[in-house]
Amino acid sequence: MTFKIYTKTGDKGETSLIGGVRVPKHHLRIESYGTVDELNSYIGLIIDSMQNKEDSKILYEIQDRLFTVGSVLASDPEKSKMKIPDLHDTDVELLETEMDKMDLNLPELKSFILPGGTVAASQCHIARCVCRRAERLVVHLSTETEVPEIVVRYLNRLSDFLFMFSRKLVHDAGANEIAWRPRM
């Protein structure tokens, strides 16, 4: 038997969650995990754009955790009985530990900075913005249905991590951060 990527089951604007529950493709749950998928794709682009592949190890770990987040969001907790992977406090702690390490080697942040500096750093800023959007969507979803609190914490910390990681990429490349100079 050959596996085909297309199923034709979504041709009428519905899709299945893990466990088989059908929902419209515009459902907030679909928007939430679709945005997490978009974020994961941007992180792949960052990895492909980086000069120092040693730094990609943490990003691969994050991509794996984002698949976990997507699985959590793609499952209706009230109707699905399927076992799915889960996040742990150690996943959030890893992001915090990595940020603390980066902070030791980065210049003190004295003003807001404009996104940019290197291509990979710019992509990191885009990923940070997508992460913030995913977090907003998941918070909204949590007002309508059960969402594990750790998912919101992980996305919140990940957006902070992506900001710090963009600064690290700029610093490691010997490029300059551009301070925002508001007109007054």
Protein backbone atom coordinates (compact mmCIF):
# COMPACT_ATOMS: atom_id res chain seq x y z
CA MET A 1 0.00 0.00 0.00
CA THR A 2 1.32 3.43 -0.96
CA PHE A 3 0.90 6.34 1.44
CA LYS A 4 -0.33 9.53 -0.19
CA ILE A 5 0.12 12.94 1.36
CA TYR A 6 -3.30 14.11 0.26
CA THR A 7 -6.43 12.67 1.84
CA LYS A 8 -9.14 14.87 0.29
CA THR A 9 -10.83 14.94 3.72
CA GLY A 10 -10.19 18.67 4.10
CA ASP A 11 -11.70 19.77 0.82
CA LYS A 12 -14.78 21.16 2.55
CA GLY A 13 -12.93 23.33 5.05
CA GLU A 14 -12.64 20.91 7.94
CA THR A 15 -9.73 18.99 9.41
CA SER A 16 -9.22 16.35 12.09
CA LEU A 17 -7.58 16.84 15.43
CA ILE A 18 -5.52 14.07 17.01
CA GLY A 19 -8.12 11.54 18.05
CA GLY A 20 -10.40 12.18 15.08
CA VAL A 21 -12.51 15.14 16.19
CA ARG A 22 -13.41 17.24 13.11
CA VAL A 23 -13.23 21.03 13.35
CA PRO A 24 -13.34 23.89 10.84
CA LYS A 25 -9.93 24.89 9.51
CA HIS A 26 -10.45 28.39 10.91
CA HIS A 27 -10.84 27.02 14.46
CA LEU A 28 -8.68 28.77 17.06
CA ARG A 29 -7.01 25.45 17.91
CA ILE A 30 -5.93 25.03 14.26
CA GLU A 31 -4.71 28.64 14.13
CA SER A 32 -2.73 28.04 17.34
CA TYR A 33 -0.87 24.93 16.27
CA GLY A 34 -0.51 26.24 12.71
CA THR A 35 1.31 29.27 14.10
CA VAL A 36 3.54 26.99 16.19
CA ASP A 37 4.31 25.09 12.97
CA GLU A 38 5.16 28.39 11.24
CA LEU A 39 7.48 29.23 14.14
CA ASN A 40 9.16 25.84 13.85
CA SER A 41 9.75 26.45 10.15
CA TYR A 42 11.38 29.82 10.86
CA ILE A 43 13.67 28.17 13.39
CA GLY A 44 14.71 25.73 10.67
CA LEU A 45 15.52 28.72 8.46
CA ILE A 46 17.62 30.24 11.25
CA ILE A 47 19.58 26.99 11.58
CA ASP A 48 20.21 26.93 7.84
CA SER A 49 21.38 30.58 7.93
CA MET A 50 23.78 30.28 10.86
CA GLN A 51 27.52 30.21 10.44
CA ASN A 52 28.23 28.42 13.75
CA LYS A 53 26.49 25.06 13.55
CA GLU A 54 27.40 24.32 17.19
CA ASP A 55 24.63 26.76 18.15
CA SER A 56 22.11 24.72 16.19
CA LYS A 57 21.95 22.00 18.86
CA ILE A 58 19.71 24.06 21.13
CA LEU A 59 17.56 25.07 18.16
CA TYR A 60 17.02 21.43 17.19
CA GLU A 61 15.96 20.76 20.78
CA ILE A 62 13.51 23.67 20.53
CA GLN A 63 12.14 22.36 17.24
CA ASP A 64 11.49 19.02 18.92
CA ARG A 65 9.68 20.73 21.80
CA LEU A 66 7.61 22.75 19.31
CA PHE A 67 6.41 19.46 17.78
CA THR A 68 5.36 18.52 21.31
CA VAL A 69 3.52 21.84 21.70
CA GLY A 70 1.84 21.26 18.34
CA SER A 71 0.74 17.79 19.44
CA VAL A 72 -0.75 19.17 22.64
CA LEU A 73 -2.60 21.88 20.73
CA ALA A 74 -3.76 19.49 17.99
CA SER A 75 -5.53 17.29 20.52
CA ASP A 76 -8.90 18.10 22.06
CA PRO A 77 -8.28 17.33 25.75
CA GLU A 78 -11.98 16.79 26.42
CA LYS A 79 -12.55 14.27 23.61
CA SER A 80 -9.24 12.62 22.71
CA LYS A 81 -8.01 9.65 24.70
CA MET A 82 -4.75 9.30 22.75
CA LYS A 83 -1.43 9.59 24.57
CA ILE A 84 0.60 12.54 23.32
CA PRO A 85 4.03 13.84 24.32
CA ASP A 86 4.19 16.51 26.97
CA LEU A 87 6.36 19.40 28.07
CA HIS A 88 8.24 19.41 31.37
CA ASP A 89 9.45 22.19 33.64
CA THR A 90 12.97 21.22 32.56
CA ASP A 91 12.12 22.36 29.01
CA VAL A 92 11.39 25.87 30.30
CA GLU A 93 14.44 25.73 32.58
CA LEU A 94 16.67 24.83 29.62
CA LEU A 95 15.64 28.03 27.85
CA GLU A 96 16.30 30.06 31.00
CA THR A 97 19.73 28.42 31.49
CA GLU A 98 20.69 29.11 27.88
CA MET A 99 19.61 32.75 28.20
CA ASP A 100 21.64 33.14 31.38
CA LYS A 101 24.71 31.76 29.57
CA MET A 102 24.22 34.15 26.65
CA ASP A 103 23.72 37.08 28.99
CA LEU A 104 27.18 36.54 30.51
CA ASN A 105 28.86 37.24 27.15
CA LEU A 106 26.64 39.95 25.69
CA PRO A 107 27.05 43.68 26.18
CA GLU A 108 24.61 45.27 28.58
CA LEU A 109 21.37 46.25 26.90
CA LYS A 110 20.99 49.99 27.38
CA SER A 111 18.21 50.71 24.91
CA PHE A 112 15.73 49.02 22.63
CA ILE A 113 17.42 47.62 19.55
CA LEU A 114 16.16 47.46 16.02
CA PRO A 115 15.76 43.98 14.58
CA GLY A 116 18.70 43.10 12.34
CA GLY A 117 22.46 42.81 12.41
CA THR A 118 22.85 39.60 10.41
CA VAL A 119 20.51 37.57 8.23
CA ALA A 120 20.19 34.86 10.87
CA ALA A 121 19.58 37.44 13.62
CA SER A 122 16.88 39.09 11.51
CA GLN A 123 15.24 35.71 11.00
CA CYS A 124 15.46 35.17 14.75
CA HIS A 125 13.52 38.41 15.28
CA ILE A 126 10.86 37.22 12.84
CA ALA A 127 10.64 33.93 14.73
CA ARG A 128 10.33 35.90 17.99
CA CYS A 129 7.36 37.81 16.56
CA VAL A 130 5.72 34.61 15.33
CA CYS A 131 6.32 33.07 18.77
CA ARG A 132 4.59 36.02 20.43
CA ARG A 133 1.64 35.59 18.05
CA ALA A 134 1.50 31.87 18.87
CA GLU A 135 1.52 32.73 22.56
CA ARG A 136 -1.36 35.21 22.13
CA LEU A 137 -3.39 32.62 20.22
CA VAL A 138 -2.73 29.92 22.81
CA VAL A 139 -3.71 32.29 25.64
CA HIS A 140 -6.92 33.02 23.74
CA LEU A 141 -7.51 29.29 23.23
CA SER A 142 -7.01 28.73 26.96
CA THR A 143 -10.00 30.99 27.66
CA GLU A 144 -12.19 28.59 25.67
CA THR A 145 -10.77 25.17 26.53
CA GLU A 146 -8.15 23.47 28.65
CA VAL A 147 -4.56 24.20 27.62
CA PRO A 148 -1.71 23.09 29.87
CA GLU A 149 -0.24 26.18 31.52
CA ILE A 150 3.28 25.02 30.68
CA VAL A 151 2.56 25.53 26.96
CA VAL A 152 2.02 29.26 27.53
CA ARG A 153 5.09 29.45 29.79
CA TYR A 154 7.23 27.67 27.21
CA LEU A 155 6.16 29.99 24.39
CA ASN A 156 6.66 33.03 26.59
CA ARG A 157 10.17 31.97 27.53
CA LEU A 158 10.95 30.93 23.97
CA SER A 159 10.22 34.42 22.65
CA ASP A 160 12.67 35.80 25.25
CA PHE A 161 15.20 33.16 24.22
CA LEU A 162 14.85 34.11 20.54
CA PHE A 163 15.52 37.77 21.40
CA MET A 164 18.65 36.81 23.33
CA PHE A 165 19.73 34.39 20.62
CA SER A 166 19.42 37.12 17.98
CA ARG A 167 21.71 39.30 20.09
CA LYS A 168 24.17 36.40 20.41
CA LEU A 169 24.21 35.89 16.65
CA VAL A 170 24.97 39.57 16.07
CA HIS A 171 27.67 39.58 18.74
CA ASP A 172 29.30 36.36 17.50
CA ALA A 173 29.40 37.73 13.94
CA GLY A 174 31.15 40.90 15.13
CA ALA A 175 28.24 42.94 13.79
CA ASN A 176 26.63 45.88 15.53
CA GLU A 177 23.29 46.10 17.24
CA ILE A 178 21.43 49.20 16.15
CA ALA A 179 19.97 51.12 19.07
CA TRP A 180 16.54 52.65 18.63
CA ARG A 181 16.83 56.43 18.83
CA PRO A 182 13.31 57.77 19.26
CA ARG A 183 12.64 61.23 17.88
CA MET A 184 11.53 63.59 20.58
